[in-house]
Amino acid sequence: MSTRTRLLFATFLVCSVSLTIAGCKKNPFGERSTEVVSVAQVPAAVKATIDQQAGGRAIGEIEKQTINGHVRYEVTLGSGSDKSTVVIGDDGKQVADDDDD
């Protein structure tokens, strides 16, 4: 294959990929949104799990995450070396903690 043919092919490939990416309207990982909320804004079941997991530690930031229509809450508990993060579904069940990968 000649150098000119390779250059033409590479240009075509770059243009095709660029147009494909620019034309994508959907996130390939699904629809996502996040918002910081207060403990007063979470459902009662989630608040109960937060209180149980906190065990007297301070409740930090609560991030409400919506992924493909499913809601979960990422909660930071404690501070300093005692700081941890838990993820709680909108039904109040713990989904993950900072020990999970």
Protein backbone atom coordinates (compact mmCIF):
# COMPACT_ATOMS: atom_id res chain seq x y z
CA MET A 1 0.00 0.00 0.00
CA SER A 2 1.39 3.37 -0.97
CA THR A 3 2.03 6.19 1.47
CA ARG A 4 -0.69 8.28 -0.14
CA THR A 5 -3.26 5.48 0.26
CA ARG A 6 -2.32 5.02 3.90
CA LEU A 7 -2.63 8.75 4.55
CA LEU A 8 -6.01 8.85 2.83
CA PHE A 9 -7.22 5.86 4.84
CA ALA A 10 -5.98 7.37 8.13
CA THR A 11 -7.72 10.68 7.35
CA PHE A 12 -10.95 8.86 6.51
CA LEU A 13 -10.75 6.85 9.73
CA VAL A 14 -10.14 9.92 11.91
CA CYS A 15 -13.01 11.81 10.27
CA SER A 16 -15.39 8.87 10.64
CA VAL A 17 -14.61 8.41 14.31
CA SER A 18 -14.92 12.16 14.98
CA LEU A 19 -18.30 12.36 13.27
CA THR A 20 -19.52 9.28 15.12
CA ILE A 21 -18.52 10.68 18.50
CA ALA A 22 -19.99 14.10 17.73
CA GLY A 23 -23.27 12.52 16.65
CA CYS A 24 -23.73 10.41 19.79
CA LYS A 25 -26.53 11.82 21.91
CA LYS A 26 -26.68 9.09 24.55
CA ASN A 27 -24.09 8.41 27.21
CA PRO A 28 -22.77 4.88 26.53
CA PHE A 29 -22.83 4.24 30.29
CA GLY A 30 -26.46 5.34 30.67
CA GLU A 31 -28.12 8.47 31.95
CA ARG A 32 -26.50 9.77 35.14
CA SER A 33 -27.03 12.69 37.47
CA THR A 34 -25.78 13.63 40.91
CA GLU A 35 -26.86 16.17 43.49
CA VAL A 36 -25.80 16.89 47.05
CA VAL A 37 -28.72 16.56 49.48
CA SER A 38 -29.23 16.92 53.22
CA VAL A 39 -30.18 14.10 55.56
CA ALA A 40 -33.67 15.65 55.76
CA GLN A 41 -34.12 15.06 52.01
CA VAL A 42 -33.47 11.29 51.99
CA PRO A 43 -36.21 8.66 52.39
CA ALA A 44 -36.88 7.35 55.92
CA ALA A 45 -35.37 3.92 55.13
CA VAL A 46 -32.16 5.56 53.88
CA LYS A 47 -31.97 7.81 56.95
CA ALA A 48 -32.36 4.78 59.23
CA THR A 49 -29.47 3.00 57.48
CA ILE A 50 -27.32 6.14 57.62
CA ASP A 51 -27.94 6.47 61.37
CA GLN A 52 -27.17 2.78 61.91
CA GLN A 53 -23.96 2.91 59.82
CA ALA A 54 -22.82 6.20 61.39
CA GLY A 55 -22.71 4.68 64.86
CA GLY A 56 -22.44 8.12 66.45
CA ARG A 57 -19.96 9.49 63.89
CA ALA A 58 -20.64 12.72 62.05
CA ILE A 59 -22.65 12.49 58.83
CA GLY A 60 -20.80 14.29 56.05
CA GLU A 61 -21.81 14.85 52.44
CA ILE A 62 -24.73 12.89 51.01
CA GLU A 63 -24.72 12.61 47.23
CA LYS A 64 -27.93 11.46 45.54
CA GLN A 65 -26.98 9.56 42.38
CA THR A 66 -29.48 8.66 39.66
CA ILE A 67 -28.23 6.07 37.18
CA ASN A 68 -30.62 4.87 34.47
CA GLY A 69 -33.56 5.78 36.68
CA HIS A 70 -32.20 3.98 39.77
CA VAL A 71 -31.48 6.15 42.81
CA ARG A 72 -28.77 5.53 45.38
CA TYR A 73 -27.08 7.66 48.03
CA GLU A 74 -23.32 7.89 48.58
CA VAL A 75 -22.76 8.96 52.17
CA THR A 76 -19.53 10.09 53.83
CA LEU A 77 -19.38 9.23 57.53
CA GLY A 78 -16.90 10.35 60.18
CA SER A 79 -13.80 12.44 59.65
CA GLY A 80 -10.04 12.11 59.54
CA SER A 81 -8.75 8.56 59.91
CA ASP A 82 -12.26 7.42 60.91
CA LYS A 83 -13.78 8.58 57.59
CA SER A 84 -15.68 6.07 55.45
CA THR A 85 -18.12 6.03 52.56
CA VAL A 86 -21.22 3.86 52.16
CA VAL A 87 -23.61 3.54 49.25
CA ILE A 88 -27.25 2.99 50.11
CA GLY A 89 -30.09 2.14 47.71
CA ASP A 90 -33.31 4.14 47.87
CA ASP A 91 -34.88 1.17 49.69
CA GLY A 92 -32.45 1.63 52.60
CA LYS A 93 -30.30 -1.41 51.83
CA GLN A 94 -26.55 -0.90 51.81
CA VAL A 95 -25.19 -1.41 48.31
CA ALA A 96 -21.47 -0.95 48.97
CA ASP A 97 -18.88 0.58 51.28
CA ASP A 98 -15.36 1.88 50.80
CA ASP A 99 -13.95 -1.63 51.27
CA ASP A 100 -15.69 -2.77 48.07
CA ASP A 101 -13.92 -2.38 44.73
